[in-house]
Amino acid sequence: MGAITVHEFTTVDGVVDAPLWTMDYGFPDDLAASIGALTASATGILLGRTTFEMFAPAWSTRTVEDDPGAPFFNDTRKHVVSSTLTDAEAVWSNSTVVGGYDAVRLRALKEEADGDLYVSGSATLVRALLADGLVDELHLYVYPLAVGTGIRLFPDGGPRTPLSFLGAEGLSNGVVHLTYGPVPAAG
């Protein structure tokens, strides 16, 4: 059984929307190593349709010479949660559509996995996974910037979501990597 491990780039005001603002902070070796540690145990990638449609053209043509992360994104099996996309494989190799969001189906996918399922971006999917208790680790890479507007992982009016603190790491570019997990069951 695998774990679902989520990675989000976010601003201090909680915006996770198309993080072009990350470019101003570079991608130093310690950030690459931190994200590499998350992907190392992953044997699958779980994405929402919107993120899949953003990632496919960006990653599908990259090689290891372009980006050391390219083999992971291109060679790893991608599971796309979508009720509208029909043929993910035609868009990006090693991709399959698992259908619309269904917690039971995703729990089964997690239980059948021989490694972790890695999620990047996919805010709508991550909100649902959190609500259904399917996220094992939530990794927030908090950039020292407030942008004021954009999609937030935890929007106004959303449900209360208690989390358990697992760790923090300061990175050389001013980013703080915060790790959270589910709150242990009382007992």
N, C-alpha and C. Protein backbone atom coordinates (compact mmCIF):
# COMPACT_ATOMS: atom_id res chain seq x y z
N MET A 1 0.84 -1.18 0.00
CA MET A 1 0.00 0.00 0.00
C MET A 1 0.87 1.24 0.00
N GLY A 2 0.53 2.16 -0.85
CA GLY A 2 1.28 3.40 -0.94
C GLY A 2 0.66 4.51 -0.13
N ALA A 3 1.32 5.62 -0.11
CA ALA A 3 0.83 6.82 0.55
C ALA A 3 0.53 7.85 -0.53
N ILE A 4 -0.35 8.77 -0.23
CA ILE A 4 -0.57 9.92 -1.12
C ILE A 4 0.19 11.09 -0.52
N THR A 5 1.17 11.55 -1.29
CA THR A 5 2.05 12.64 -0.87
C THR A 5 1.80 13.84 -1.79
N VAL A 6 1.39 14.95 -1.19
CA VAL A 6 1.04 16.16 -1.95
C VAL A 6 2.15 17.19 -1.82
N HIS A 7 2.46 17.83 -2.93
CA HIS A 7 3.46 18.91 -2.99
C HIS A 7 2.76 20.14 -3.57
N GLU A 8 2.82 21.24 -2.85
CA GLU A 8 2.25 22.51 -3.33
C GLU A 8 3.25 23.63 -3.15
N PHE A 9 3.42 24.44 -4.20
CA PHE A 9 4.11 25.71 -4.05
C PHE A 9 3.03 26.71 -3.66
N THR A 10 3.29 27.49 -2.61
CA THR A 10 2.29 28.45 -2.14
C THR A 10 2.96 29.74 -1.69
N THR A 11 2.19 30.80 -1.68
CA THR A 11 2.66 32.07 -1.16
C THR A 11 2.30 32.15 0.32
N VAL A 12 2.82 33.13 1.03
CA VAL A 12 2.48 33.26 2.44
C VAL A 12 0.99 33.55 2.64
N ASP A 13 0.33 34.08 1.62
CA ASP A 13 -1.12 34.30 1.74
C ASP A 13 -1.93 33.14 1.15
N GLY A 14 -1.28 32.01 0.93
CA GLY A 14 -1.97 30.78 0.60
C GLY A 14 -2.33 30.54 -0.85
N VAL A 15 -1.83 31.33 -1.77
CA VAL A 15 -2.15 31.16 -3.19
C VAL A 15 -1.31 30.04 -3.79
N VAL A 16 -1.97 29.11 -4.47
CA VAL A 16 -1.31 27.99 -5.13
C VAL A 16 -1.53 28.01 -6.64
N ASP A 17 -2.20 29.02 -7.12
CA ASP A 17 -2.55 29.17 -8.53
C ASP A 17 -1.30 29.30 -9.41
N ALA A 18 -1.22 28.55 -10.51
CA ALA A 18 -0.13 28.63 -11.51
C ALA A 18 1.06 29.43 -10.99
N PRO A 19 1.95 28.80 -10.24
CA PRO A 19 2.98 29.52 -9.49
C PRO A 19 4.14 30.07 -10.32
N LEU A 20 3.83 30.96 -11.25
CA LEU A 20 4.89 31.59 -12.04
C LEU A 20 5.79 32.45 -11.17
N TRP A 21 5.27 32.90 -10.04
CA TRP A 21 6.04 33.73 -9.11
C TRP A 21 7.22 32.96 -8.52
N THR A 22 7.27 31.65 -8.63
CA THR A 22 8.41 30.88 -8.10
C THR A 22 9.69 31.19 -8.87
N MET A 23 9.54 31.61 -10.12
CA MET A 23 10.71 31.87 -10.98
C MET A 23 11.64 32.92 -10.38
N ASP A 24 11.08 33.87 -9.64
CA ASP A 24 11.90 34.92 -9.03
C ASP A 24 12.84 34.39 -7.96
N TYR A 25 12.62 33.17 -7.49
CA TYR A 25 13.40 32.61 -6.39
C TYR A 25 14.34 31.50 -6.82
N GLY A 26 14.37 31.19 -8.11
CA GLY A 26 15.25 30.17 -8.62
C GLY A 26 14.87 28.78 -8.15
N PHE A 27 15.70 27.82 -8.51
CA PHE A 27 15.47 26.41 -8.14
C PHE A 27 16.80 25.85 -7.65
N PRO A 28 17.20 26.28 -6.43
CA PRO A 28 18.52 25.86 -5.93
C PRO A 28 18.57 24.36 -5.64
N ASP A 29 19.79 23.88 -5.45
CA ASP A 29 20.01 22.45 -5.23
C ASP A 29 19.24 21.90 -4.03
N ASP A 30 19.13 22.69 -2.94
CA ASP A 30 18.43 22.16 -1.77
C ASP A 30 16.93 22.02 -2.02
N LEU A 31 16.35 22.88 -2.85
CA LEU A 31 14.94 22.74 -3.23
C LEU A 31 14.77 21.51 -4.12
N ALA A 32 15.67 21.34 -5.07
CA ALA A 32 15.62 20.16 -5.96
C ALA A 32 15.75 18.88 -5.14
N ALA A 33 16.64 18.86 -4.16
CA ALA A 33 16.82 17.67 -3.33
C ALA A 33 15.59 17.39 -2.47
N SER A 34 14.97 18.45 -1.97
CA SER A 34 13.78 18.28 -1.14
C SER A 34 12.63 17.68 -1.95
N ILE A 35 12.40 18.19 -3.14
CA ILE A 35 11.33 17.65 -3.99
C ILE A 35 11.73 16.26 -4.50
N GLY A 36 13.00 16.08 -4.80
CA GLY A 36 13.48 14.76 -5.22
C GLY A 36 13.23 13.70 -4.17
N ALA A 37 13.32 14.07 -2.90
CA ALA A 37 13.03 13.12 -1.82
C ALA A 37 11.55 12.72 -1.83
N LEU A 38 10.69 13.62 -2.24
CA LEU A 38 9.25 13.31 -2.32
C LEU A 38 8.95 12.37 -3.48
N THR A 39 9.61 12.59 -4.58
CA THR A 39 9.33 11.77 -5.77
C THR A 39 10.05 10.43 -5.74
N ALA A 40 11.08 10.30 -4.91
CA ALA A 40 11.89 9.08 -4.89
C ALA A 40 11.09 7.82 -4.58
N SER A 41 10.10 7.92 -3.71
CA SER A 41 9.32 6.74 -3.33
C SER A 41 8.03 6.60 -4.14
N ALA A 42 7.82 7.52 -5.07
CA ALA A 42 6.58 7.50 -5.86
C ALA A 42 6.70 6.58 -7.06
N THR A 43 5.66 5.78 -7.24
CA THR A 43 5.57 4.93 -8.43
C THR A 43 4.40 5.37 -9.30
N GLY A 44 3.71 6.41 -8.87
CA GLY A 44 2.60 6.95 -9.64
C GLY A 44 2.43 8.43 -9.34
N ILE A 45 1.84 9.12 -10.30
CA ILE A 45 1.53 10.54 -10.17
C ILE A 45 0.01 10.65 -10.28
N LEU A 46 -0.60 11.38 -9.36
CA LEU A 46 -2.03 11.59 -9.34
C LEU A 46 -2.28 13.07 -9.61
N LEU A 47 -3.04 13.37 -10.66
CA LEU A 47 -3.26 14.76 -11.05
C LEU A 47 -4.72 15.02 -11.35
N GLY A 48 -5.15 16.25 -11.09
CA GLY A 48 -6.45 16.70 -11.56
C GLY A 48 -6.31 17.08 -13.03
N ARG A 49 -7.43 17.19 -13.72
CA ARG A 49 -7.41 17.47 -15.16
C ARG A 49 -6.70 18.77 -15.50
N THR A 50 -6.99 19.85 -14.79
CA THR A 50 -6.39 21.14 -15.12
C THR A 50 -4.88 21.10 -15.00
N THR A 51 -4.37 20.53 -13.92
CA THR A 51 -2.92 20.43 -13.75
C THR A 51 -2.33 19.51 -14.81
N PHE A 52 -3.01 18.39 -15.09
CA PHE A 52 -2.54 17.50 -16.15
C PHE A 52 -2.42 18.26 -17.46
N GLU A 53 -3.41 19.06 -17.80
CA GLU A 53 -3.39 19.81 -19.06
C GLU A 53 -2.32 20.89 -19.07
N MET A 54 -1.90 21.36 -17.90
CA MET A 54 -0.79 22.32 -17.83
C MET A 54 0.55 21.59 -17.87
N PHE A 55 0.65 20.45 -17.19
CA PHE A 55 1.90 19.71 -17.12
C PHE A 55 2.25 19.01 -18.43
N ALA A 56 1.27 18.45 -19.10
CA ALA A 56 1.55 17.62 -20.29
C ALA A 56 2.40 18.35 -21.33
N PRO A 57 2.00 19.54 -21.79
CA PRO A 57 2.85 20.19 -22.79
C PRO A 57 4.18 20.68 -22.22
N ALA A 58 4.22 20.98 -20.93
CA ALA A 58 5.45 21.48 -20.32
C ALA A 58 6.48 20.38 -20.10
N TRP A 59 6.03 19.17 -19.71
CA TRP A 59 6.95 18.10 -19.37
C TRP A 59 7.17 17.09 -20.49
N SER A 60 6.18 16.84 -21.33
CA SER A 60 6.26 15.73 -22.28
C SER A 60 7.40 15.83 -23.28
N THR A 61 7.87 17.03 -23.53
CA THR A 61 8.97 17.19 -24.50
C THR A 61 10.33 17.42 -23.82
N ARG A 62 10.34 17.51 -22.49
CA ARG A 62 11.60 17.73 -21.78
C ARG A 62 12.38 16.42 -21.66
N THR A 63 13.68 16.58 -21.70
CA THR A 63 14.59 15.45 -21.51
C THR A 63 15.37 15.67 -20.22
N VAL A 64 16.12 14.69 -19.80
CA VAL A 64 16.93 14.82 -18.61
C VAL A 64 17.96 15.94 -18.76
N GLU A 65 18.38 16.20 -20.00
CA GLU A 65 19.32 17.31 -20.25
C GLU A 65 18.65 18.65 -19.98
N ASP A 66 17.34 18.74 -20.26
CA ASP A 66 16.59 19.98 -20.00
C ASP A 66 16.31 20.16 -18.51
N ASP A 67 15.98 19.06 -17.85
CA ASP A 67 15.55 19.11 -16.46
C ASP A 67 15.73 17.72 -15.85
N PRO A 68 16.46 17.61 -14.75
CA PRO A 68 16.66 16.29 -14.13
C PRO A 68 15.35 15.61 -13.70
N GLY A 69 14.27 16.38 -13.54
CA GLY A 69 12.99 15.81 -13.14
C GLY A 69 12.20 15.22 -14.30
N ALA A 70 12.65 15.45 -15.52
CA ALA A 70 11.89 15.01 -16.70
C ALA A 70 11.64 13.50 -16.74
N PRO A 71 12.63 12.66 -16.46
CA PRO A 71 12.34 11.21 -16.50
C PRO A 71 11.24 10.81 -15.51
N PHE A 72 11.24 11.39 -14.32
CA PHE A 72 10.19 11.05 -13.35
C PHE A 72 8.82 11.39 -13.93
N PHE A 73 8.66 12.60 -14.41
CA PHE A 73 7.35 13.03 -14.91
C PHE A 73 6.94 12.30 -16.18
N ASN A 74 7.88 11.98 -17.03
CA ASN A 74 7.52 11.33 -18.30
C ASN A 74 7.41 9.81 -18.21
N ASP A 75 8.22 9.18 -17.38
CA ASP A 75 8.24 7.72 -17.33
C ASP A 75 7.30 7.12 -16.29
N THR A 76 6.90 7.91 -15.30
CA THR A 76 6.05 7.42 -14.22
C THR A 76 4.59 7.38 -14.68
N ARG A 77 3.85 6.36 -14.26
CA ARG A 77 2.42 6.23 -14.57
C ARG A 77 1.67 7.41 -13.97
N LYS A 78 0.89 8.09 -14.79
CA LYS A 78 0.09 9.22 -14.36
C LYS A 78 -1.38 8.82 -14.34
N HIS A 79 -2.06 9.10 -13.22
CA HIS A 79 -3.49 8.81 -13.04
C HIS A 79 -4.19 10.16 -13.00
N VAL A 80 -5.08 10.40 -13.96
CA VAL A 80 -5.74 11.70 -14.07
C VAL A 80 -7.19 11.57 -13.60
N VAL A 81 -7.54 12.40 -12.62
CA VAL A 81 -8.90 12.43 -12.11
C VAL A 81 -9.68 13.45 -12.93
N SER A 82 -10.61 12.94 -13.75
CA SER A 82 -11.39 13.82 -14.62
C SER A 82 -12.65 13.10 -15.09
N SER A 83 -13.73 13.84 -15.12
CA SER A 83 -14.97 13.29 -15.67
C SER A 83 -15.17 13.73 -17.12
N THR A 84 -14.26 14.57 -17.64
CA THR A 84 -14.41 15.06 -19.01
C THR A 84 -13.30 14.61 -19.96
N LEU A 85 -12.12 14.39 -19.46
CA LEU A 85 -11.00 13.93 -20.29
C LEU A 85 -11.21 12.45 -20.61
N THR A 86 -10.99 12.07 -21.85
CA THR A 86 -11.23 10.67 -22.22
C THR A 86 -9.96 9.90 -22.56
N ASP A 87 -8.99 10.54 -23.20
CA ASP A 87 -7.80 9.81 -23.64
C ASP A 87 -6.53 10.54 -23.22
N ALA A 88 -6.13 10.35 -21.97
CA ALA A 88 -4.93 11.02 -21.46
C ALA A 88 -3.67 10.51 -22.14
N GLU A 89 -3.65 9.23 -22.50
CA GLU A 89 -2.47 8.62 -23.14
C GLU A 89 -2.12 9.33 -24.45
N ALA A 90 -3.13 9.79 -25.18
CA ALA A 90 -2.90 10.49 -26.44
C ALA A 90 -2.24 11.86 -26.21
N VAL A 91 -2.41 12.39 -25.02
CA VAL A 91 -1.87 13.71 -24.68
C VAL A 91 -0.46 13.59 -24.10
N TRP A 92 -0.25 12.56 -23.26
CA TRP A 92 1.03 12.41 -22.56
C TRP A 92 1.21 10.93 -22.24
N SER A 93 2.31 10.34 -22.68
CA SER A 93 2.51 8.90 -22.50
C SER A 93 2.48 8.51 -21.03
N ASN A 94 2.11 7.25 -20.79
CA ASN A 94 2.00 6.68 -19.44
C ASN A 94 0.91 7.34 -18.62
N SER A 95 -0.15 7.82 -19.28
CA SER A 95 -1.24 8.49 -18.59
C SER A 95 -2.55 7.75 -18.80
N THR A 96 -3.34 7.70 -17.75
CA THR A 96 -4.65 7.07 -17.83
C THR A 96 -5.66 7.90 -17.04
N VAL A 97 -6.88 7.92 -17.50
CA VAL A 97 -7.96 8.63 -16.81
C VAL A 97 -8.63 7.65 -15.86
N VAL A 98 -8.76 8.05 -14.59
CA VAL A 98 -9.42 7.18 -13.61
C VAL A 98 -10.89 7.55 -13.42
N GLY A 99 -11.36 8.56 -14.14
CA GLY A 99 -12.76 9.00 -14.02
C GLY A 99 -12.86 10.18 -13.09
N GLY A 100 -14.10 10.61 -12.86
CA GLY A 100 -14.34 11.73 -11.95
C GLY A 100 -13.95 11.36 -10.54
N TYR A 101 -13.90 12.36 -9.68
CA TYR A 101 -13.46 12.13 -8.30
C TYR A 101 -14.37 11.12 -7.61
N ASP A 102 -13.76 10.10 -7.05
CA ASP A 102 -14.47 9.05 -6.32
C ASP A 102 -13.51 8.58 -5.22
N ALA A 103 -13.80 8.95 -3.97
CA ALA A 103 -12.91 8.63 -2.86
C ALA A 103 -12.67 7.13 -2.74
N VAL A 104 -13.69 6.32 -2.98
CA VAL A 104 -13.54 4.87 -2.86
C VAL A 104 -12.55 4.36 -3.91
N ARG A 105 -12.69 4.83 -5.14
CA ARG A 105 -11.79 4.40 -6.21
C ARG A 105 -10.36 4.86 -5.93
N LEU A 106 -10.19 6.09 -5.43
CA LEU A 106 -8.85 6.59 -5.16
C LEU A 106 -8.23 5.89 -3.95
N ARG A 107 -9.03 5.54 -2.97
CA ARG A 107 -8.52 4.76 -1.83
C ARG A 107 -8.03 3.40 -2.33
N ALA A 108 -8.78 2.77 -3.24
CA ALA A 108 -8.37 1.48 -3.81
C ALA A 108 -7.08 1.65 -4.61
N LEU A 109 -6.95 2.73 -5.38
CA LEU A 109 -5.73 2.99 -6.14
C LEU A 109 -4.54 3.12 -5.20
N LYS A 110 -4.74 3.81 -4.10
CA LYS A 110 -3.70 3.98 -3.08
C LYS A 110 -3.31 2.63 -2.47
N GLU A 111 -4.30 1.81 -2.17
CA GLU A 111 -4.04 0.50 -1.56
C GLU A 111 -3.36 -0.46 -2.53
N GLU A 112 -3.63 -0.32 -3.82
CA GLU A 112 -3.03 -1.20 -4.83
C GLU A 112 -1.62 -0.77 -5.22
N ALA A 113 -1.27 0.48 -4.92
CA ALA A 113 0.02 1.03 -5.35
C ALA A 113 1.18 0.31 -4.65
N ASP A 114 2.24 0.07 -5.42
CA ASP A 114 3.43 -0.56 -4.84
C ASP A 114 4.44 0.49 -4.39
N GLY A 115 4.03 1.73 -4.39
CA GLY A 115 4.83 2.86 -3.93
C GLY A 115 3.86 4.01 -3.68
N ASP A 116 4.42 5.18 -3.47
CA ASP A 116 3.58 6.33 -3.19
C ASP A 116 2.97 6.92 -4.45
N LEU A 117 1.88 7.64 -4.26
CA LEU A 117 1.26 8.43 -5.33
C LEU A 117 1.59 9.88 -5.03
N TYR A 118 2.24 10.54 -5.97
CA TYR A 118 2.70 11.91 -5.82
C TYR A 118 1.71 12.85 -6.49
N VAL A 119 1.31 13.89 -5.77
CA VAL A 119 0.39 14.89 -6.31
C VAL A 119 1.10 16.24 -6.29
N SER A 120 1.06 16.95 -7.41
CA SER A 120 1.61 18.30 -7.48
C SER A 120 0.51 19.20 -8.01
N GLY A 121 0.36 20.37 -7.38
CA GLY A 121 -0.71 21.27 -7.82
C GLY A 121 -2.06 20.64 -7.56
N SER A 122 -2.95 20.71 -8.55
CA SER A 122 -4.24 20.02 -8.49
C SER A 122 -5.05 20.41 -7.25
N ALA A 123 -5.20 21.72 -7.01
CA ALA A 123 -5.83 22.22 -5.79
C ALA A 123 -7.22 21.64 -5.55
N THR A 124 -8.05 21.56 -6.57
CA THR A 124 -9.40 21.02 -6.38
C THR A 124 -9.34 19.57 -5.94
N LEU A 125 -8.49 18.78 -6.58
CA LEU A 125 -8.31 17.38 -6.21
C LEU A 125 -7.78 17.27 -4.79
N VAL A 126 -6.78 18.07 -4.44
CA VAL A 126 -6.17 18.00 -3.12
C VAL A 126 -7.19 18.36 -2.04
N ARG A 127 -8.01 19.36 -2.29
CA ARG A 127 -9.07 19.71 -1.32
C ARG A 127 -9.95 18.50 -1.03
N ALA A 128 -10.36 17.80 -2.09
CA ALA A 128 -11.22 16.63 -1.93
C ALA A 128 -10.48 15.50 -1.21
N LEU A 129 -9.23 15.26 -1.57
CA LEU A 129 -8.44 14.22 -0.91
C LEU A 129 -8.28 14.51 0.58
N LEU A 130 -8.04 15.78 0.92
CA LEU A 130 -7.92 16.17 2.33
C LEU A 130 -9.24 15.94 3.06
N ALA A 131 -10.33 16.35 2.44
CA ALA A 131 -11.65 16.19 3.06
C ALA A 131 -11.98 14.73 3.33
N ASP A 132 -11.51 13.84 2.46
CA ASP A 132 -11.79 12.41 2.60
C ASP A 132 -10.69 11.65 3.35
N GLY A 133 -9.72 12.37 3.91
CA GLY A 133 -8.68 11.73 4.70
C GLY A 133 -7.73 10.86 3.90
N LEU A 134 -7.53 11.20 2.64
CA LEU A 134 -6.67 10.38 1.78
C LEU A 134 -5.23 10.90 1.66
N VAL A 135 -4.95 12.08 2.18
CA VAL A 135 -3.60 12.65 2.09
C VAL A 135 -2.78 12.17 3.29
N ASP A 136 -1.67 11.53 3.02
CA ASP A 136 -0.78 11.06 4.08
C ASP A 136 0.25 12.12 4.46
N GLU A 137 0.72 12.87 3.48
CA GLU A 137 1.67 13.97 3.74
C GLU A 137 1.34 15.13 2.83
N LEU A 138 1.26 16.32 3.43
CA LEU A 138 1.03 17.56 2.69
C LEU A 138 2.30 18.40 2.83
N HIS A 139 2.99 18.59 1.72
CA HIS A 139 4.24 19.35 1.69
C HIS A 139 3.96 20.71 1.08
N LEU A 140 4.04 21.75 1.90
CA LEU A 140 3.82 23.11 1.44
C LEU A 140 5.17 23.81 1.34
N TYR A 141 5.51 24.27 0.15
CA TYR A 141 6.71 25.06 -0.07
C TYR A 141 6.27 26.51 -0.10
N VAL A 142 6.46 27.20 1.03
CA VAL A 142 5.92 28.55 1.22
C VAL A 142 6.95 29.58 0.78
N TYR A 143 6.58 30.34 -0.25
CA TYR A 143 7.46 31.38 -0.80
C TYR A 143 7.23 32.68 -0.04
N PRO A 144 8.29 33.45 0.20
CA PRO A 144 8.18 34.67 1.00
C PRO A 144 7.59 35.83 0.19
N LEU A 145 6.34 35.66 -0.17
CA LEU A 145 5.67 36.60 -1.07
C LEU A 145 4.17 36.48 -0.86
N ALA A 146 3.49 37.62 -0.83
CA ALA A 146 2.02 37.64 -0.84
C ALA A 146 1.59 38.25 -2.17
N VAL A 147 0.67 37.59 -2.85
CA VAL A 147 0.23 38.08 -4.16
C VAL A 147 -1.19 38.65 -4.14
N GLY A 148 -1.92 38.44 -3.06
CA GLY A 148 -3.22 39.08 -2.91
C GLY A 148 -4.40 38.36 -3.52
N THR A 149 -4.23 37.79 -4.71
CA THR A 149 -5.35 37.11 -5.36
C THR A 149 -4.86 35.83 -6.01
N GLY A 150 -5.79 34.92 -6.21
CA GLY A 150 -5.49 33.67 -6.88
C GLY A 150 -6.16 32.52 -6.16
N ILE A 151 -6.03 31.35 -6.73
CA ILE A 151 -6.62 30.14 -6.16
C ILE A 151 -5.86 29.78 -4.89
N ARG A 152 -6.61 29.56 -3.83
CA ARG A 152 -6.02 29.15 -2.56
C ARG A 152 -6.34 27.68 -2.28
N LEU A 153 -5.40 26.98 -1.68
CA LEU A 153 -5.64 25.59 -1.33
C LEU A 153 -6.77 25.49 -0.31
N PHE A 154 -6.79 26.41 0.64
CA PHE A 154 -7.84 26.46 1.65
C PHE A 154 -8.63 27.75 1.45
N PRO A 155 -9.67 27.72 0.62
CA PRO A 155 -10.40 28.95 0.28
C PRO A 155 -11.31 29.42 1.42
N ASP A 156 -11.68 30.68 1.36
CA ASP A 156 -12.66 31.22 2.30
C ASP A 156 -13.92 30.36 2.25
N GLY A 157 -14.46 30.09 3.41
CA GLY A 157 -15.70 29.31 3.47
C GLY A 157 -15.49 27.81 3.38
N GLY A 158 -14.24 27.36 3.24
CA GLY A 158 -13.97 25.93 3.14
C GLY A 158 -14.11 25.27 4.51
N PRO A 159 -14.08 23.95 4.53
CA PRO A 159 -14.23 23.24 5.79
C PRO A 159 -13.00 23.39 6.69
N ARG A 160 -13.22 23.23 7.97
CA ARG A 160 -12.12 23.21 8.92
C ARG A 160 -11.29 21.95 8.63
N THR A 161 -9.97 22.10 8.53
CA THR A 161 -9.10 20.99 8.17
C THR A 161 -7.94 20.90 9.16
N PRO A 162 -8.11 20.16 10.25
CA PRO A 162 -6.99 20.01 11.19
C PRO A 162 -5.90 19.14 10.59
N LEU A 163 -4.66 19.53 10.86
CA LEU A 163 -3.50 18.79 10.36
C LEU A 163 -2.52 18.58 11.51
N SER A 164 -1.63 17.64 11.34
CA SER A 164 -0.60 17.33 12.32
C SER A 164 0.75 17.78 11.75
N PHE A 165 1.48 18.58 12.50
CA PHE A 165 2.79 19.07 12.07
C PHE A 165 3.80 17.94 12.07
N LEU A 166 4.50 17.76 10.93
CA LEU A 166 5.50 16.70 10.82
C LEU A 166 6.92 17.25 10.68
N GLY A 167 7.07 18.50 10.21
CA GLY A 167 8.42 19.03 10.08
C GLY A 167 8.49 20.34 9.33
N ALA A 168 9.64 21.00 9.43
CA ALA A 168 9.89 22.26 8.73
C ALA A 168 11.36 22.29 8.31
N GLU A 169 11.59 22.92 7.18
CA GLU A 169 12.94 23.01 6.63
C GLU A 169 13.06 24.35 5.91
N GLY A 170 14.05 25.14 6.29
CA GLY A 170 14.32 26.39 5.58
C GLY A 170 15.25 26.11 4.41
N LEU A 171 14.95 26.69 3.26
CA LEU A 171 15.75 26.48 2.06
C LEU A 171 16.55 27.74 1.72
N SER A 172 17.58 27.58 0.91
CA SER A 172 18.52 28.66 0.64
C SER A 172 17.91 29.85 -0.11
N ASN A 173 16.79 29.65 -0.77
CA ASN A 173 16.16 30.75 -1.53
C ASN A 173 15.08 31.46 -0.73
N GLY A 174 14.99 31.21 0.57
CA GLY A 174 14.01 31.87 1.42
C GLY A 174 12.69 31.12 1.53
N VAL A 175 12.55 30.01 0.83
CA VAL A 175 11.35 29.19 0.88
C VAL A 175 11.40 28.33 2.13
N VAL A 176 10.24 28.13 2.75
CA VAL A 176 10.14 27.25 3.90
C VAL A 176 9.29 26.05 3.49
N HIS A 177 9.82 24.85 3.72
CA HIS A 177 9.12 23.61 3.41
C HIS A 177 8.47 23.12 4.69
N LEU A 178 7.13 23.17 4.73
CA LEU A 178 6.36 22.70 5.88
C LEU A 178 5.72 21.38 5.52
N THR A 179 5.77 20.43 6.43
CA THR A 179 5.18 19.12 6.20
C THR A 179 4.11 18.84 7.25
N TYR A 180 2.94 18.44 6.78
CA TYR A 180 1.81 18.11 7.63
C TYR A 180 1.27 16.74 7.27
N GLY A 181 0.63 16.13 8.23
CA GLY A 181 -0.03 14.85 8.00
C GLY A 181 -1.41 14.89 8.64
N PRO A 182 -2.13 13.80 8.55
CA PRO A 182 -3.45 13.75 9.18
C PRO A 182 -3.30 13.77 10.70
N VAL A 183 -4.33 14.26 11.35
CA VAL A 183 -4.35 14.24 12.82
C VAL A 183 -4.61 12.79 13.23
N PRO A 184 -3.75 12.25 14.11
CA PRO A 184 -3.95 10.85 14.55
C PRO A 184 -5.33 10.67 15.19
N ALA A 185 -5.91 9.52 14.96
CA ALA A 185 -7.21 9.23 15.53
C ALA A 185 -7.08 9.11 17.05
N ALA A 186 -8.06 9.64 17.74
CA ALA A 186 -8.08 9.54 19.20
C ALA A 186 -8.27 8.10 19.61
N GLY A 187 -7.64 7.71 20.63
CA GLY A 187 -7.86 6.34 21.03
C GLY A 187 -6.89 5.93 22.00
